[in-house]
Amino acid sequence: MNKIWLCMIILSICFLLWTDPGSVLSQMLDSSKDALTLSIELCAVYAVWLGILELVEKSGLSEKLARVLHPIIKKVFNINDPLTERLIAMNISANMLGLGNASTPLAIKAIKQMDTGSPVASTAMIMLIVINATSIQLLPTTVIGLRQAAGSTSAADIILPTLITTIFTTILAIFLVKLCAKLFKRGEK
């Protein structure tokens, strides 16, 4: 991946040198300034929501959420481990709040819990990766933060379209993983 990014950067600089050689340095400096500004603005968004997630964990709400999501997690993932279920529930709730980066460590911990030492990923692991990638977003906070940082006057207008789209893609993804598991005879116990 690093090689791909390096190639993209080099090609971009070469193209800019070819089209407008005088603006190469100014464009690079402006872009780095914009990237730093955006990073600082997003840090505030993440600080708030990560704090809320920590409160959810400390207050015991994560266990209640795991109990509420238990039938769904049991049906979709076909697992029988309370810790893994709680990690998956926290991952799903972080994704629902639009905190993809905050949910990733929870998904990694859940996958480590599901790891049996096999070199092949289980259907539950694949399901978690797919649900983590499609994730139903009730409140897409990161995208709202990005839109707000870019100067949008109505940054939250994307909530309904995002909700509709992510519900559809998550349901389709779950169906496709279940279908592939049946087609490739991956019915783990």
N, C-alpha and C. Protein backbone atom coordinates (compact mmCIF):
# COMPACT_ATOMS: atom_id res chain seq x y z
N MET A 1 0.82 -1.19 0.00
CA MET A 1 0.00 0.00 0.00
C MET A 1 0.87 1.26 0.00
N ASN A 2 1.96 1.21 0.75
CA ASN A 2 2.87 2.36 0.77
C ASN A 2 3.43 2.65 -0.62
N LYS A 3 3.70 1.59 -1.38
CA LYS A 3 4.23 1.78 -2.73
C LYS A 3 3.19 2.45 -3.63
N ILE A 4 1.94 2.06 -3.44
CA ILE A 4 0.87 2.67 -4.25
C ILE A 4 0.76 4.15 -3.94
N TRP A 5 0.75 4.50 -2.64
CA TRP A 5 0.67 5.91 -2.25
C TRP A 5 1.88 6.68 -2.77
N LEU A 6 3.07 6.10 -2.66
CA LEU A 6 4.27 6.76 -3.15
C LEU A 6 4.17 7.02 -4.65
N CYS A 7 3.71 6.04 -5.40
CA CYS A 7 3.54 6.20 -6.85
C CYS A 7 2.53 7.30 -7.16
N MET A 8 1.43 7.34 -6.42
CA MET A 8 0.42 8.37 -6.64
C MET A 8 0.98 9.77 -6.36
N ILE A 9 1.75 9.89 -5.30
CA ILE A 9 2.34 11.19 -4.96
C ILE A 9 3.33 11.62 -6.04
N ILE A 10 4.20 10.70 -6.44
CA ILE A 10 5.21 11.02 -7.46
C ILE A 10 4.54 11.39 -8.79
N LEU A 11 3.53 10.62 -9.19
CA LEU A 11 2.81 10.93 -10.43
C LEU A 11 2.10 12.28 -10.34
N SER A 12 1.52 12.58 -9.20
CA SER A 12 0.84 13.87 -9.02
C SER A 12 1.82 15.03 -9.13
N ILE A 13 2.96 14.88 -8.48
CA ILE A 13 3.98 15.95 -8.53
C ILE A 13 4.50 16.10 -9.95
N CYS A 14 4.74 14.99 -10.65
CA CYS A 14 5.22 15.06 -12.04
C CYS A 14 4.19 15.75 -12.93
N PHE A 15 2.91 15.40 -12.75
CA PHE A 15 1.86 16.02 -13.55
C PHE A 15 1.78 17.52 -13.26
N LEU A 16 1.89 17.89 -11.97
CA LEU A 16 1.86 19.30 -11.60
C LEU A 16 3.09 20.03 -12.16
N LEU A 17 4.25 19.39 -12.13
CA LEU A 17 5.46 20.00 -12.72
C LEU A 17 5.28 20.22 -14.21
N TRP A 18 4.59 19.30 -14.86
CA TRP A 18 4.38 19.39 -16.29
C TRP A 18 3.36 20.47 -16.64
N THR A 19 2.29 20.59 -15.86
CA THR A 19 1.22 21.54 -16.19
C THR A 19 1.47 22.93 -15.64
N ASP A 20 1.99 23.03 -14.40
CA ASP A 20 2.19 24.34 -13.77
C ASP A 20 3.38 24.28 -12.81
N PRO A 21 4.61 24.32 -13.36
CA PRO A 21 5.80 24.12 -12.53
C PRO A 21 5.97 25.15 -11.40
N GLY A 22 5.46 26.35 -11.59
CA GLY A 22 5.65 27.39 -10.59
C GLY A 22 4.82 27.19 -9.33
N SER A 23 3.79 26.36 -9.39
CA SER A 23 2.89 26.22 -8.23
C SER A 23 3.13 24.95 -7.42
N VAL A 24 4.15 24.17 -7.76
CA VAL A 24 4.38 22.90 -7.07
C VAL A 24 4.58 23.11 -5.58
N LEU A 25 5.51 23.96 -5.22
CA LEU A 25 5.81 24.16 -3.80
C LEU A 25 4.63 24.78 -3.06
N SER A 26 3.99 25.78 -3.66
CA SER A 26 2.86 26.42 -2.98
C SER A 26 1.70 25.45 -2.80
N GLN A 27 1.44 24.60 -3.79
CA GLN A 27 0.37 23.60 -3.68
C GLN A 27 0.68 22.59 -2.59
N MET A 28 1.93 22.16 -2.51
CA MET A 28 2.31 21.18 -1.48
C MET A 28 2.17 21.79 -0.09
N LEU A 29 2.59 23.04 0.08
CA LEU A 29 2.47 23.70 1.38
C LEU A 29 1.02 23.94 1.76
N ASP A 30 0.22 24.39 0.80
CA ASP A 30 -1.21 24.61 1.07
C ASP A 30 -1.91 23.31 1.45
N SER A 31 -1.59 22.25 0.74
CA SER A 31 -2.22 20.95 1.03
C SER A 31 -1.84 20.44 2.41
N SER A 32 -0.57 20.59 2.78
CA SER A 32 -0.16 20.12 4.11
C SER A 32 -0.80 20.96 5.20
N LYS A 33 -0.97 22.27 4.97
CA LYS A 33 -1.65 23.14 5.94
C LYS A 33 -3.11 22.72 6.08
N ASP A 34 -3.78 22.45 4.94
CA ASP A 34 -5.18 22.02 4.98
C ASP A 34 -5.33 20.67 5.69
N ALA A 35 -4.40 19.76 5.45
CA ALA A 35 -4.45 18.44 6.10
C ALA A 35 -4.29 18.57 7.61
N LEU A 36 -3.39 19.42 8.05
CA LEU A 36 -3.18 19.63 9.48
C LEU A 36 -4.41 20.27 10.12
N THR A 37 -4.99 21.27 9.47
CA THR A 37 -6.19 21.92 9.99
C THR A 37 -7.33 20.92 10.11
N LEU A 38 -7.53 20.11 9.08
CA LEU A 38 -8.59 19.10 9.11
C LEU A 38 -8.34 18.09 10.22
N SER A 39 -7.11 17.67 10.41
CA SER A 39 -6.79 16.71 11.46
C SER A 39 -7.12 17.26 12.84
N ILE A 40 -6.79 18.51 13.07
CA ILE A 40 -7.07 19.12 14.37
C ILE A 40 -8.58 19.24 14.59
N GLU A 41 -9.33 19.62 13.57
CA GLU A 41 -10.78 19.75 13.70
C GLU A 41 -11.42 18.38 13.95
N LEU A 42 -10.92 17.34 13.29
CA LEU A 42 -11.48 16.01 13.51
C LEU A 42 -11.10 15.44 14.87
N CYS A 43 -9.97 15.86 15.42
CA CYS A 43 -9.58 15.42 16.76
C CYS A 43 -10.64 15.80 17.78
N ALA A 44 -11.22 16.98 17.62
CA ALA A 44 -12.27 17.41 18.54
C ALA A 44 -13.49 16.52 18.43
N VAL A 45 -13.89 16.19 17.21
CA VAL A 45 -15.04 15.31 17.00
C VAL A 45 -14.78 13.95 17.64
N TYR A 46 -13.60 13.39 17.38
CA TYR A 46 -13.27 12.07 17.94
C TYR A 46 -13.15 12.11 19.45
N ALA A 47 -12.61 13.18 19.99
CA ALA A 47 -12.46 13.27 21.45
C ALA A 47 -13.82 13.19 22.13
N VAL A 48 -14.79 13.90 21.59
CA VAL A 48 -16.14 13.87 22.18
C VAL A 48 -16.73 12.47 22.11
N TRP A 49 -16.72 11.86 20.94
CA TRP A 49 -17.38 10.57 20.78
C TRP A 49 -16.62 9.43 21.44
N LEU A 50 -15.31 9.49 21.46
CA LEU A 50 -14.54 8.47 22.17
C LEU A 50 -14.80 8.58 23.68
N GLY A 51 -14.96 9.81 24.17
CA GLY A 51 -15.33 10.00 25.57
C GLY A 51 -16.69 9.40 25.87
N ILE A 52 -17.62 9.59 24.97
CA ILE A 52 -18.96 9.01 25.15
C ILE A 52 -18.87 7.48 25.13
N LEU A 53 -18.09 6.93 24.21
CA LEU A 53 -17.93 5.47 24.17
C LEU A 53 -17.29 4.94 25.45
N GLU A 54 -16.35 5.67 26.01
CA GLU A 54 -15.73 5.26 27.28
C GLU A 54 -16.75 5.28 28.41
N LEU A 55 -17.61 6.30 28.42
CA LEU A 55 -18.68 6.36 29.42
C LEU A 55 -19.66 5.20 29.26
N VAL A 56 -19.95 4.87 28.01
CA VAL A 56 -20.84 3.73 27.73
C VAL A 56 -20.24 2.46 28.30
N GLU A 57 -18.94 2.28 28.12
CA GLU A 57 -18.26 1.08 28.62
C GLU A 57 -18.24 1.06 30.16
N LYS A 58 -17.86 2.20 30.77
CA LYS A 58 -17.72 2.26 32.24
C LYS A 58 -19.07 2.17 32.95
N SER A 59 -20.13 2.68 32.33
CA SER A 59 -21.44 2.69 32.97
C SER A 59 -22.15 1.34 32.91
N GLY A 60 -21.61 0.43 32.12
CA GLY A 60 -22.25 -0.88 31.98
C GLY A 60 -23.27 -0.91 30.86
N LEU A 61 -23.40 0.21 30.17
CA LEU A 61 -24.35 0.27 29.07
C LEU A 61 -23.95 -0.66 27.94
N SER A 62 -22.64 -0.92 27.82
CA SER A 62 -22.19 -1.83 26.76
C SER A 62 -22.71 -3.23 26.98
N GLU A 63 -22.78 -3.67 28.26
CA GLU A 63 -23.34 -4.99 28.53
C GLU A 63 -24.83 -5.02 28.23
N LYS A 64 -25.53 -3.93 28.55
CA LYS A 64 -26.96 -3.86 28.24
C LYS A 64 -27.18 -3.86 26.73
N LEU A 65 -26.32 -3.13 26.03
CA LEU A 65 -26.40 -3.11 24.58
C LEU A 65 -26.12 -4.50 24.00
N ALA A 66 -25.14 -5.19 24.59
CA ALA A 66 -24.83 -6.56 24.15
C ALA A 66 -26.03 -7.48 24.37
N ARG A 67 -26.75 -7.29 25.49
CA ARG A 67 -27.94 -8.11 25.75
C ARG A 67 -29.05 -7.80 24.74
N VAL A 68 -29.22 -6.52 24.41
CA VAL A 68 -30.24 -6.13 23.43
C VAL A 68 -29.89 -6.69 22.06
N LEU A 69 -28.61 -6.61 21.70
CA LEU A 69 -28.18 -7.09 20.39
C LEU A 69 -27.90 -8.60 20.36
N HIS A 70 -27.99 -9.27 21.53
CA HIS A 70 -27.66 -10.70 21.62
C HIS A 70 -28.41 -11.55 20.59
N PRO A 71 -29.73 -11.43 20.46
CA PRO A 71 -30.40 -12.29 19.47
C PRO A 71 -29.92 -12.05 18.03
N ILE A 72 -29.66 -10.79 17.71
CA ILE A 72 -29.19 -10.47 16.36
C ILE A 72 -27.77 -10.99 16.16
N ILE A 73 -26.90 -10.73 17.15
CA ILE A 73 -25.51 -11.19 17.05
C ILE A 73 -25.46 -12.71 16.99
N LYS A 74 -26.29 -13.37 17.81
CA LYS A 74 -26.33 -14.84 17.84
C LYS A 74 -26.75 -15.39 16.47
N LYS A 75 -27.78 -14.78 15.88
CA LYS A 75 -28.29 -15.24 14.59
C LYS A 75 -27.30 -14.95 13.45
N VAL A 76 -26.73 -13.76 13.46
CA VAL A 76 -25.85 -13.35 12.35
C VAL A 76 -24.48 -13.99 12.45
N PHE A 77 -23.90 -14.02 13.67
CA PHE A 77 -22.53 -14.48 13.83
C PHE A 77 -22.41 -15.94 14.25
N ASN A 78 -23.44 -16.49 14.85
CA ASN A 78 -23.44 -17.88 15.31
C ASN A 78 -22.25 -18.16 16.26
N ILE A 79 -22.11 -17.30 17.28
CA ILE A 79 -21.04 -17.46 18.27
C ILE A 79 -21.66 -17.64 19.65
N ASN A 80 -20.86 -18.13 20.59
CA ASN A 80 -21.36 -18.41 21.93
C ASN A 80 -20.39 -17.91 23.00
N ASP A 81 -19.84 -16.73 22.83
CA ASP A 81 -18.89 -16.18 23.78
C ASP A 81 -19.36 -14.79 24.20
N PRO A 82 -19.69 -14.60 25.50
CA PRO A 82 -20.21 -13.29 25.95
C PRO A 82 -19.24 -12.12 25.70
N LEU A 83 -17.94 -12.34 25.89
CA LEU A 83 -16.97 -11.27 25.67
C LEU A 83 -16.94 -10.87 24.20
N THR A 84 -16.94 -11.85 23.32
CA THR A 84 -16.94 -11.56 21.89
C THR A 84 -18.22 -10.84 21.49
N GLU A 85 -19.35 -11.28 22.05
CA GLU A 85 -20.62 -10.62 21.76
C GLU A 85 -20.58 -9.16 22.21
N ARG A 86 -20.01 -8.90 23.40
CA ARG A 86 -19.93 -7.53 23.91
C ARG A 86 -19.03 -6.68 23.01
N LEU A 87 -17.90 -7.25 22.57
CA LEU A 87 -17.01 -6.52 21.67
C LEU A 87 -17.68 -6.22 20.33
N ILE A 88 -18.42 -7.18 19.82
CA ILE A 88 -19.14 -6.97 18.56
C ILE A 88 -20.22 -5.91 18.75
N ALA A 89 -20.93 -5.97 19.88
CA ALA A 89 -21.97 -4.97 20.16
C ALA A 89 -21.37 -3.57 20.25
N MET A 90 -20.22 -3.45 20.92
CA MET A 90 -19.56 -2.14 21.01
C MET A 90 -19.08 -1.68 19.63
N ASN A 91 -18.58 -2.62 18.83
CA ASN A 91 -18.14 -2.29 17.47
C ASN A 91 -19.32 -1.77 16.66
N ILE A 92 -20.43 -2.47 16.73
CA ILE A 92 -21.62 -2.06 15.98
C ILE A 92 -22.10 -0.70 16.46
N SER A 93 -22.13 -0.48 17.78
CA SER A 93 -22.60 0.82 18.29
C SER A 93 -21.65 1.95 17.90
N ALA A 94 -20.34 1.71 17.91
CA ALA A 94 -19.40 2.74 17.47
C ALA A 94 -19.59 3.05 15.99
N ASN A 95 -19.83 2.03 15.20
CA ASN A 95 -20.09 2.25 13.78
C ASN A 95 -21.40 3.00 13.57
N MET A 96 -22.41 2.71 14.38
CA MET A 96 -23.69 3.40 14.26
C MET A 96 -23.53 4.90 14.54
N LEU A 97 -22.56 5.24 15.39
CA LEU A 97 -22.31 6.65 15.68
C LEU A 97 -21.35 7.27 14.68
N GLY A 98 -20.95 6.50 13.67
CA GLY A 98 -20.08 7.02 12.63
C GLY A 98 -18.63 7.08 13.02
N LEU A 99 -18.24 6.30 14.02
CA LEU A 99 -16.87 6.32 14.52
C LEU A 99 -16.11 5.10 14.03
N GLY A 100 -15.90 5.02 12.73
CA GLY A 100 -15.22 3.88 12.14
C GLY A 100 -13.85 3.62 12.74
N ASN A 101 -13.08 4.69 12.97
CA ASN A 101 -11.74 4.52 13.53
C ASN A 101 -11.79 4.04 14.97
N ALA A 102 -12.81 4.44 15.71
CA ALA A 102 -12.94 3.99 17.11
C ALA A 102 -13.44 2.56 17.18
N SER A 103 -14.16 2.13 16.16
CA SER A 103 -14.71 0.77 16.19
C SER A 103 -13.69 -0.28 15.75
N THR A 104 -12.68 0.13 15.02
CA THR A 104 -11.70 -0.83 14.51
C THR A 104 -10.98 -1.61 15.61
N PRO A 105 -10.48 -0.96 16.68
CA PRO A 105 -9.83 -1.75 17.74
C PRO A 105 -10.77 -2.77 18.38
N LEU A 106 -12.05 -2.42 18.49
CA LEU A 106 -13.02 -3.37 19.04
C LEU A 106 -13.19 -4.57 18.12
N ALA A 107 -13.22 -4.32 16.82
CA ALA A 107 -13.33 -5.42 15.85
C ALA A 107 -12.10 -6.31 15.89
N ILE A 108 -10.92 -5.70 16.04
CA ILE A 108 -9.69 -6.49 16.12
C ILE A 108 -9.70 -7.38 17.36
N LYS A 109 -10.14 -6.83 18.50
CA LYS A 109 -10.23 -7.63 19.72
C LYS A 109 -11.23 -8.77 19.56
N ALA A 110 -12.37 -8.48 18.92
CA ALA A 110 -13.38 -9.52 18.70
C ALA A 110 -12.85 -10.62 17.79
N ILE A 111 -12.13 -10.25 16.76
CA ILE A 111 -11.57 -11.25 15.84
C ILE A 111 -10.51 -12.09 16.56
N LYS A 112 -9.71 -11.46 17.43
CA LYS A 112 -8.74 -12.22 18.21
C LYS A 112 -9.45 -13.22 19.13
N GLN A 113 -10.59 -12.82 19.67
CA GLN A 113 -11.37 -13.74 20.52
C GLN A 113 -11.90 -14.92 19.71
N MET A 114 -12.25 -14.67 18.45
CA MET A 114 -12.80 -15.73 17.59
C MET A 114 -11.73 -16.60 16.96
N ASP A 115 -10.47 -16.17 17.04
CA ASP A 115 -9.37 -16.88 16.39
C ASP A 115 -9.14 -18.25 17.04
N THR A 116 -9.17 -19.27 16.22
CA THR A 116 -8.93 -20.64 16.70
C THR A 116 -7.55 -21.14 16.32
N GLY A 117 -6.77 -20.29 15.67
CA GLY A 117 -5.45 -20.70 15.23
C GLY A 117 -5.44 -21.22 13.81
N SER A 118 -6.60 -21.29 13.19
CA SER A 118 -6.69 -21.76 11.81
C SER A 118 -6.17 -20.67 10.87
N PRO A 119 -5.49 -21.08 9.80
CA PRO A 119 -5.02 -20.07 8.84
C PRO A 119 -6.15 -19.48 7.99
N VAL A 120 -7.35 -20.06 8.10
CA VAL A 120 -8.49 -19.61 7.32
C VAL A 120 -9.47 -18.88 8.24
N ALA A 121 -9.94 -17.73 7.81
CA ALA A 121 -10.90 -16.96 8.61
C ALA A 121 -12.23 -17.69 8.68
N SER A 122 -12.84 -17.66 9.86
CA SER A 122 -14.15 -18.28 10.03
C SER A 122 -15.21 -17.38 9.40
N THR A 123 -16.41 -17.93 9.22
CA THR A 123 -17.51 -17.15 8.68
C THR A 123 -17.85 -15.99 9.59
N ALA A 124 -17.77 -16.20 10.91
CA ALA A 124 -18.05 -15.11 11.87
C ALA A 124 -17.04 -13.98 11.71
N MET A 125 -15.77 -14.32 11.49
CA MET A 125 -14.75 -13.29 11.27
C MET A 125 -15.04 -12.50 10.00
N ILE A 126 -15.37 -13.21 8.95
CA ILE A 126 -15.68 -12.56 7.67
C ILE A 126 -16.91 -11.68 7.83
N MET A 127 -17.92 -12.19 8.55
CA MET A 127 -19.14 -11.42 8.78
C MET A 127 -18.82 -10.12 9.52
N LEU A 128 -17.96 -10.20 10.54
CA LEU A 128 -17.62 -8.99 11.30
C LEU A 128 -16.89 -7.98 10.41
N ILE A 129 -15.98 -8.45 9.59
CA ILE A 129 -15.26 -7.54 8.69
C ILE A 129 -16.23 -6.87 7.72
N VAL A 130 -17.15 -7.65 7.18
CA VAL A 130 -18.11 -7.11 6.21
C VAL A 130 -19.07 -6.14 6.90
N ILE A 131 -19.57 -6.49 8.08
CA ILE A 131 -20.48 -5.58 8.79
C ILE A 131 -19.73 -4.32 9.22
N ASN A 132 -18.49 -4.48 9.61
CA ASN A 132 -17.68 -3.33 9.99
C ASN A 132 -17.46 -2.40 8.79
N ALA A 133 -17.34 -2.98 7.60
CA ALA A 133 -17.12 -2.18 6.40
C ALA A 133 -18.40 -1.48 5.93
N THR A 134 -19.54 -2.15 6.05
CA THR A 134 -20.79 -1.56 5.57
C THR A 134 -21.49 -0.74 6.65
N SER A 135 -21.45 -1.18 7.87
CA SER A 135 -21.96 -0.56 9.09
C SER A 135 -23.11 0.43 8.96
N ILE A 136 -24.22 0.08 9.56
CA ILE A 136 -25.38 0.97 9.63
C ILE A 136 -24.96 2.21 10.42
N GLN A 137 -25.20 3.37 9.85
CA GLN A 137 -24.79 4.63 10.48
C GLN A 137 -26.02 5.45 10.82
N LEU A 138 -26.34 5.47 12.12
CA LEU A 138 -27.44 6.32 12.58
C LEU A 138 -27.02 7.78 12.57
N LEU A 139 -25.78 8.01 12.95
CA LEU A 139 -25.26 9.36 13.03
C LEU A 139 -23.83 9.37 12.47
N PRO A 140 -23.67 9.71 11.20
CA PRO A 140 -22.33 9.68 10.58
C PRO A 140 -21.47 10.87 11.04
N THR A 141 -20.99 10.79 12.27
CA THR A 141 -20.29 11.93 12.88
C THR A 141 -19.02 12.32 12.15
N THR A 142 -18.26 11.36 11.67
CA THR A 142 -17.01 11.69 10.97
C THR A 142 -17.30 12.46 9.69
N VAL A 143 -18.27 12.00 8.93
CA VAL A 143 -18.60 12.67 7.67
C VAL A 143 -19.20 14.05 7.95
N ILE A 144 -20.04 14.14 8.98
CA ILE A 144 -20.59 15.45 9.35
C ILE A 144 -19.45 16.38 9.76
N GLY A 145 -18.50 15.87 10.54
CA GLY A 145 -17.34 16.66 10.93
C GLY A 145 -16.51 17.11 9.73
N LEU A 146 -16.32 16.22 8.77
CA LEU A 146 -15.58 16.57 7.55
C LEU A 146 -16.32 17.64 6.76
N ARG A 147 -17.63 17.48 6.64
CA ARG A 147 -18.42 18.47 5.90
C ARG A 147 -18.40 19.83 6.59
N GLN A 148 -18.49 19.79 7.92
CA GLN A 148 -18.47 21.04 8.67
C GLN A 148 -17.10 21.71 8.55
N ALA A 149 -16.03 20.91 8.62
CA ALA A 149 -14.69 21.46 8.48
C ALA A 149 -14.46 22.05 7.09
N ALA A 150 -15.15 21.50 6.09
CA ALA A 150 -15.01 22.00 4.72
C ALA A 150 -15.88 23.22 4.48
N GLY A 151 -16.67 23.64 5.50
CA GLY A 151 -17.46 24.86 5.37
C GLY A 151 -18.90 24.64 4.94
N SER A 152 -19.41 23.44 5.05
CA SER A 152 -20.79 23.18 4.68
C SER A 152 -21.75 23.91 5.62
N THR A 153 -22.78 24.51 5.05
CA THR A 153 -23.77 25.21 5.89
C THR A 153 -24.81 24.26 6.46
N SER A 154 -24.95 23.10 5.84
CA SER A 154 -25.90 22.10 6.34
C SER A 154 -25.21 20.74 6.35
N ALA A 155 -24.26 20.60 7.24
CA ALA A 155 -23.43 19.39 7.28
C ALA A 155 -24.21 18.14 7.63
N ALA A 156 -25.31 18.28 8.36
CA ALA A 156 -26.07 17.11 8.82
C ALA A 156 -27.14 16.66 7.84
N ASP A 157 -27.22 17.26 6.67
CA ASP A 157 -28.23 16.87 5.68
C ASP A 157 -28.03 15.45 5.15
N ILE A 158 -26.90 14.86 5.43
CA ILE A 158 -26.62 13.53 4.89
C ILE A 158 -27.11 12.41 5.79
N ILE A 159 -27.71 12.73 6.93
CA ILE A 159 -28.10 11.69 7.89
C ILE A 159 -29.09 10.70 7.28
N LEU A 160 -30.20 11.15 6.71
CA LEU A 160 -31.21 10.24 6.15
C LEU A 160 -30.68 9.44 4.96
N PRO A 161 -30.04 10.07 3.97
CA PRO A 161 -29.51 9.25 2.86
C PRO A 161 -28.46 8.24 3.33
N THR A 162 -27.64 8.63 4.30
CA THR A 162 -26.63 7.71 4.82
C THR A 162 -27.30 6.54 5.54
N LEU A 163 -28.32 6.82 6.32
CA LEU A 163 -29.04 5.76 7.05
C LEU A 163 -29.67 4.77 6.07
N ILE A 164 -30.34 5.27 5.07
CA ILE A 164 -30.99 4.39 4.08
C ILE A 164 -29.95 3.54 3.35
N THR A 165 -28.90 4.17 2.90
CA THR A 165 -27.86 3.47 2.15
C THR A 165 -27.16 2.41 3.00
N THR A 166 -26.80 2.77 4.23
CA THR A 166 -26.05 1.81 5.06
C THR A 166 -26.93 0.65 5.53
N ILE A 167 -28.21 0.89 5.75
CA ILE A 167 -29.11 -0.22 6.09
C ILE A 167 -29.17 -1.20 4.92
N PHE A 168 -29.35 -0.68 3.72
CA PHE A 168 -29.42 -1.53 2.54
C PHE A 168 -28.13 -2.31 2.32
N THR A 169 -26.98 -1.63 2.39
CA THR A 169 -25.71 -2.31 2.14
C THR A 169 -25.39 -3.34 3.22
N THR A 170 -25.74 -3.07 4.47
CA THR A 170 -25.47 -4.02 5.53
C THR A 170 -26.33 -5.28 5.38
N ILE A 171 -27.60 -5.09 5.08
CA ILE A 171 -28.49 -6.25 4.87
C ILE A 171 -28.01 -7.07 3.68
N LEU A 172 -27.65 -6.41 2.60
CA LEU A 172 -27.13 -7.11 1.42
C LEU A 172 -25.83 -7.84 1.74
N ALA A 173 -24.95 -7.21 2.50
CA ALA A 173 -23.67 -7.83 2.86
C ALA A 173 -23.88 -9.07 3.72
N ILE A 174 -24.77 -8.99 4.70
CA ILE A 174 -25.07 -10.15 5.56
C ILE A 174 -25.61 -11.30 4.70
N PHE A 175 -26.54 -10.98 3.81
CA PHE A 175 -27.10 -12.00 2.92
C PHE A 175 -26.01 -12.65 2.07
N LEU A 176 -25.12 -11.83 1.50
CA LEU A 176 -24.07 -12.38 0.63
C LEU A 176 -23.06 -13.23 1.39
N VAL A 177 -22.71 -12.83 2.61
CA VAL A 177 -21.78 -13.65 3.41
C VAL A 177 -22.44 -14.98 3.75
N LYS A 178 -23.71 -14.95 4.15
CA LYS A 178 -24.43 -16.21 4.45
C LYS A 178 -24.53 -17.09 3.20
N LEU A 179 -24.81 -16.48 2.07
CA LEU A 179 -24.90 -17.22 0.82
C LEU A 179 -23.56 -17.85 0.45
N CYS A 180 -22.50 -17.09 0.53
CA CYS A 180 -21.17 -17.61 0.22
C CYS A 180 -20.76 -18.72 1.19
N ALA A 181 -21.13 -18.57 2.46
CA ALA A 181 -20.82 -19.61 3.44
C ALA A 181 -21.52 -20.92 3.08
N LYS A 182 -22.75 -20.81 2.59
CA LYS A 182 -23.47 -22.03 2.18
C LYS A 182 -22.90 -22.60 0.88
N LEU A 183 -22.60 -21.71 -0.07
CA LEU A 183 -22.08 -22.17 -1.35
C LEU A 183 -20.72 -22.85 -1.21
N PHE A 184 -19.90 -22.31 -0.32
CA PHE A 184 -18.56 -22.86 -0.14
C PHE A 184 -18.48 -23.78 1.07
N LYS A 185 -19.63 -24.20 1.57
CA LYS A 185 -19.72 -25.18 2.68
C LYS A 185 -18.88 -24.76 3.87
N ARG A 186 -19.13 -23.54 4.37
CA ARG A 186 -18.36 -23.04 5.51
C ARG A 186 -19.22 -23.00 6.75
N GLY A 187 -20.01 -23.98 6.99
CA GLY A 187 -20.89 -24.01 8.15
C GLY A 187 -20.14 -24.42 9.40
N GLU A 188 -19.49 -23.45 10.06
CA GLU A 188 -18.76 -23.78 11.30
C GLU A 188 -19.74 -23.99 12.43
N LYS A 189 -19.29 -24.71 13.42
CA LYS A 189 -20.14 -24.98 14.58
C LYS A 189 -19.96 -23.91 15.61
